[in-house]
Amino acid sequence: MEVEFDELQRVIRDSKLVKLVIAKDAFLDARLDLEQMNINGATLFRGLDGLGRKVQDVLNSVESYLRERDGVGTLVQSEHIL
């Protein structure tokens, strides 16, 4: 279900739990916006878990960039990304 920003604000205000589904083509922009606001794995999950999530995010970003740039294959294999 796609909603406008004003409607989204109302839903969030009136609900206790809201699930936001971000379109695949908007995911990278949303992730970069959150990173600019210092919202990332390292700040949400303190300690080694957060550090591991942050490192995984950086490696995934590098991998995506390389794949788009020149078709390089997978650099990182991970089975347990939450």
Protein backbone atom coordinates (compact mmCIF):
# COMPACT_ATOMS: atom_id res chain seq x y z
CA MET A 1 0.00 0.00 0.00
CA GLU A 2 1.50 3.30 -1.06
CA VAL A 3 0.58 6.40 0.97
CA GLU A 4 1.42 10.08 0.87
CA PHE A 5 3.58 11.65 3.57
CA ASP A 6 0.67 13.35 5.38
CA GLU A 7 -1.23 10.07 5.51
CA LEU A 8 1.90 8.30 6.76
CA GLN A 9 2.27 10.82 9.58
CA ARG A 10 -1.35 10.19 10.62
CA VAL A 11 -0.92 6.42 10.55
CA ILE A 12 2.24 6.60 12.65
CA ARG A 13 0.62 8.96 15.14
CA ASP A 14 -2.50 6.79 15.49
CA SER A 15 -0.79 3.38 15.60
CA LYS A 16 1.36 1.54 18.09
CA LEU A 17 3.17 -0.50 15.47
CA VAL A 18 3.86 0.43 11.87
CA LYS A 19 5.74 -1.58 9.27
CA LEU A 20 7.30 0.47 6.49
CA VAL A 21 8.19 -1.36 3.30
CA ILE A 22 10.73 0.50 1.22
CA ALA A 23 10.76 -0.15 -2.51
CA LYS A 24 13.92 -1.85 -3.72
CA ASP A 25 14.82 1.07 -5.99
CA ALA A 26 14.52 3.53 -3.06
CA PHE A 27 16.38 1.41 -0.50
CA LEU A 28 19.89 2.76 -1.15
CA ASP A 29 18.74 6.38 -0.94
CA ALA A 30 16.86 5.66 2.29
CA ARG A 31 19.90 3.88 3.73
CA LEU A 32 22.18 6.81 2.81
CA ASP A 33 19.73 9.30 4.35
CA LEU A 34 19.71 7.30 7.59
CA GLU A 35 23.52 7.11 7.55
CA GLN A 36 23.73 10.90 7.18
CA MET A 37 21.55 11.17 10.30
CA ASN A 38 23.96 8.77 12.08
CA ILE A 39 21.36 6.01 12.20
CA ASN A 40 23.17 2.76 11.42
CA GLY A 41 24.05 -0.64 12.87
CA ALA A 42 26.83 0.77 15.04
CA THR A 43 24.60 3.38 16.69
CA LEU A 44 21.52 1.18 17.06
CA PHE A 45 23.38 -1.87 18.40
CA ARG A 46 26.25 -1.00 20.75
CA GLY A 47 29.32 -3.17 21.14
CA LEU A 48 30.70 -5.82 18.84
CA ASP A 49 27.31 -6.63 17.34
CA GLY A 50 26.88 -3.05 16.15
CA LEU A 51 30.44 -2.89 14.89
CA GLY A 52 29.90 -6.12 12.94
CA ARG A 53 26.71 -4.76 11.41
CA LYS A 54 28.46 -1.53 10.42
CA VAL A 55 31.36 -3.42 8.80
CA GLN A 56 28.88 -5.62 6.93
CA ASP A 57 27.01 -2.52 5.71
CA VAL A 58 30.23 -0.93 4.43
CA LEU A 59 31.28 -4.13 2.65
CA ASN A 60 27.83 -4.47 1.08
CA SER A 61 28.01 -0.85 -0.11
CA VAL A 62 31.42 -1.40 -1.68
CA GLU A 63 30.18 -4.60 -3.30
CA SER A 64 27.12 -2.85 -4.75
CA TYR A 65 29.24 -0.01 -6.08
CA LEU A 66 31.71 -2.39 -7.75
CA ARG A 67 28.93 -4.54 -9.20
CA GLU A 68 27.25 -1.49 -10.74
CA ARG A 69 30.53 -0.03 -11.95
CA ASP A 70 32.05 -3.02 -13.68
CA GLY A 71 30.14 -6.19 -12.93
CA VAL A 72 32.42 -7.55 -10.19
CA GLY A 73 30.93 -10.59 -8.43
CA THR A 74 30.18 -11.05 -4.75
CA LEU A 75 32.87 -10.02 -2.28
CA VAL A 76 31.02 -10.93 0.91
CA GLN A 77 29.24 -14.13 1.77
CA SER A 78 26.97 -13.90 4.80
CA GLU A 79 24.30 -16.26 6.02
CA HIS A 80 23.16 -14.37 9.11
CA ILE A 81 22.31 -10.75 8.37
CA LEU A 82 19.33 -9.58 10.37
